[in-house]
Each structure stands twice: as structure tokens, then as C-alpha cells.
Amino acid sequence: MSEAFSFELVSPEALVLGGEASEVVVPGSEGYFTVLANHSPFMTTIKPGIVDVKMSDGEAKRIFVRGGFADVSPAGFTLLAEQATMLEDFNMEELDEAIKAARDDVAASDGDKKSKAEAVLAQLEDSKSAVEMATAH
């Protein structure tokens, strides 16, 4: 059995998942990375995608995150997500509505507002791709 470490996934609304984990796979901004016990300390940004967590009791959890920060320290691993939803609770219809609204914002904007709207749209489309890939298996 793998050695365990303290893990917390926190969103602005609440603690989404906390406890002892043996492995966490995260969608980092430079690519996916895996955290195990005694990992070297580091901090990085994360992109929209699926976090796969293996708890120390063997239970597996899959959580959709929409960006944020990962902080690995000797005390454990804290993932601060802009938004986090257990994959089984994810509502694709809400995401499709947000994408439609973002497309409307892009079409109705110009200059700096258009650039910001395009960035929001790109993040939402990345989110949809990540969820579709995760649920296709």
C-alpha cells in the first residue's frame, strides 16, 4: 500500500474533498502531473480538467476543476480551484449554456472587452473538452 499524505481540494464555496490520499493526478498548466507522498515542494497553476484522486483507503474520486493553483508542501497538498465539481454531479447543460452566453459576449464586444470575453470562451470550451474526454472512457 502506498504511503499517504494530507490532501485538500478547496473551491471558493467549500472544501470539496479532504483527507489522506495516496496519489493525485492534476491538470497543470504545463501538463498533467502526479503527486505522491514526500513529493518535492512546488506551486503551480492548473487548467480546466479532471483531478483523479486515489484516497488512502483505495477509494477513487474524479473532480472537474476550472483552473486554480496547486501547492505541494511538506505538510501535504492543497489544490485551490476556481470551481470544482465532483464529476458524477457535473451538469453539461449548464456548461453548454455558459458557452452560448460567452459566444454572444464575444460577438457583442470589441477591444479589451472582446479579448476578455474570448479568454472566458476559450476556458469554457477547454472545460467542455476535458469533461467529454473524461466521460468517454
Protein backbone atom coordinates (compact mmCIF):
# COMPACT_ATOMS: atom_id res chain seq x y z
CA MET A 1 0.00 0.00 0.00
CA SER A 2 1.29 3.47 -0.92
CA GLU A 3 2.23 5.99 1.71
CA ALA A 4 -0.50 8.58 2.37
CA PHE A 5 -0.34 12.37 2.56
CA SER A 6 -2.77 15.11 3.53
CA PHE A 7 -4.85 16.38 0.59
CA GLU A 8 -7.44 19.15 0.35
CA LEU A 9 -9.30 20.37 -2.72
CA VAL A 10 -10.94 23.70 -1.95
CA SER A 11 -13.22 25.88 -4.08
CA PRO A 12 -14.48 29.37 -3.18
CA GLU A 13 -17.71 27.76 -1.97
CA ALA A 14 -16.42 24.92 0.21
CA LEU A 15 -13.97 22.16 0.97
CA VAL A 16 -14.72 19.77 -1.91
CA LEU A 17 -12.55 16.88 -0.78
CA GLY A 18 -10.16 16.40 2.10
CA GLY A 19 -8.37 13.53 3.75
CA GLU A 20 -5.47 11.17 3.31
CA ALA A 21 -4.59 10.43 -0.32
CA SER A 22 -2.03 8.07 -1.83
CA GLU A 23 -1.99 9.64 -5.32
CA VAL A 24 -3.40 12.75 -7.01
CA VAL A 25 -3.22 13.46 -10.77
CA VAL A 26 -3.75 17.13 -11.67
CA PRO A 27 -4.18 19.08 -14.95
CA GLY A 28 -1.32 21.53 -14.56
CA SER A 29 -0.96 24.48 -16.91
CA GLU A 30 2.18 22.82 -18.35
CA GLY A 31 0.61 19.34 -18.47
CA TYR A 32 -0.72 16.71 -16.11
CA PHE A 33 1.37 15.88 -13.04
CA THR A 34 1.10 13.29 -10.27
CA VAL A 35 1.65 13.95 -6.57
CA LEU A 36 2.68 11.11 -4.26
CA ALA A 37 3.81 11.14 -0.62
CA ASN A 38 7.05 13.03 0.01
CA HIS A 39 6.80 14.95 -3.27
CA SER A 40 9.17 17.90 -3.61
CA PRO A 41 7.51 21.20 -2.67
CA PHE A 42 6.25 23.37 -5.52
CA MET A 43 3.41 25.65 -6.55
CA THR A 44 1.83 25.90 -10.00
CA THR A 45 -1.31 26.95 -11.80
CA ILE A 46 -3.84 24.42 -13.03
CA LYS A 47 -6.01 24.43 -16.13
CA PRO A 48 -9.56 23.16 -16.64
CA GLY A 49 -9.63 19.39 -16.41
CA ILE A 50 -10.17 16.36 -14.25
CA VAL A 51 -8.36 15.71 -10.96
CA ASP A 52 -8.05 11.99 -10.24
CA VAL A 53 -7.60 11.21 -6.55
CA LYS A 54 -6.83 7.85 -5.01
CA MET A 55 -7.64 8.07 -1.32
CA SER A 56 -5.52 6.09 1.15
CA ASP A 57 -8.43 3.67 1.69
CA GLY A 58 -8.38 2.84 -2.06
CA GLU A 59 -11.47 4.87 -2.97
CA ALA A 60 -11.10 6.78 -6.26
CA LYS A 61 -12.56 10.25 -6.80
CA ARG A 62 -12.80 12.30 -10.01
CA ILE A 63 -13.35 16.04 -9.77
CA PHE A 64 -13.73 18.61 -12.54
CA VAL A 65 -11.75 21.79 -11.84
CA ARG A 66 -11.86 25.02 -13.78
CA GLY A 67 -8.45 26.48 -13.11
CA GLY A 68 -6.70 27.46 -9.90
CA PHE A 69 -3.48 26.77 -8.01
CA ALA A 70 -1.74 23.67 -6.67
CA ASP A 71 0.52 23.90 -3.61
CA VAL A 72 2.61 20.90 -2.57
CA SER A 73 4.50 21.30 0.71
CA PRO A 74 5.91 19.06 3.44
CA ALA A 75 2.53 19.46 5.20
CA GLY A 76 0.64 17.97 2.22
CA PHE A 77 -1.09 19.02 -0.97
CA THR A 78 -3.66 21.80 -1.26
CA LEU A 79 -5.46 22.44 -4.52
CA LEU A 80 -7.29 25.78 -4.69
CA ALA A 81 -9.75 25.56 -7.57
CA GLU A 82 -11.67 28.43 -9.16
CA GLN A 83 -14.55 25.98 -9.49
CA ALA A 84 -14.76 22.30 -8.55
CA THR A 85 -17.50 19.73 -9.10
CA MET A 86 -17.48 16.01 -8.48
CA LEU A 87 -17.55 14.52 -11.98
CA GLU A 88 -20.70 12.49 -11.29
CA ASP A 89 -22.50 15.75 -10.34
CA PHE A 90 -21.31 17.74 -13.36
CA ASN A 91 -24.09 19.37 -15.41
CA MET A 92 -23.11 19.56 -19.10
CA GLU A 93 -26.27 21.53 -19.99
CA GLU A 94 -25.21 24.38 -17.68
CA LEU A 95 -21.78 24.42 -19.32
CA ASP A 96 -23.36 24.49 -22.80
CA GLU A 97 -25.49 27.48 -21.73
CA ALA A 98 -22.40 29.28 -20.38
CA ILE A 99 -20.58 28.63 -23.69
CA LYS A 100 -23.52 30.05 -25.66
CA ALA A 101 -23.59 33.15 -23.44
CA ALA A 102 -19.81 33.57 -23.81
CA ARG A 103 -20.11 33.34 -27.61
CA ASP A 104 -22.78 36.04 -27.50
CA ASP A 105 -20.46 38.20 -25.35
CA VAL A 106 -17.63 37.78 -27.87
CA ALA A 107 -19.92 38.76 -30.75
CA ALA A 108 -21.21 41.83 -28.90
CA SER A 109 -17.82 43.11 -27.65
CA ASP A 110 -14.82 44.93 -29.04
CA GLY A 111 -11.33 45.91 -27.88
CA ASP A 112 -10.29 44.82 -24.38
CA LYS A 113 -13.77 43.54 -23.57
CA LYS A 114 -13.64 41.27 -26.62
CA SER A 115 -10.24 39.88 -25.58
CA LYS A 116 -11.53 39.11 -22.09
CA ALA A 117 -14.70 37.52 -23.50
CA GLU A 118 -12.58 35.38 -25.85
CA ALA A 119 -10.45 34.20 -22.91
CA VAL A 120 -13.59 33.20 -20.97
CA LEU A 121 -14.95 31.38 -24.02
CA ALA A 122 -11.66 29.51 -24.52
CA GLN A 123 -11.62 28.38 -20.88
CA LEU A 124 -15.23 27.17 -21.10
CA GLU A 125 -14.51 25.26 -24.32
CA ASP A 126 -11.42 23.70 -22.71
CA SER A 127 -13.61 22.70 -19.78
CA LYS A 128 -16.11 21.01 -22.09
CA SER A 129 -13.35 19.10 -23.90
CA ALA A 130 -11.88 17.89 -20.59
CA VAL A 131 -15.25 16.65 -19.31
CA GLU A 132 -16.09 14.96 -22.62
CA MET A 133 -12.74 13.16 -22.64
CA ALA A 134 -13.15 12.07 -19.01
CA THR A 135 -16.65 10.72 -19.51
CA ALA A 136 -15.89 8.97 -22.81
CA HIS A 137 -13.97 6.19 -21.03
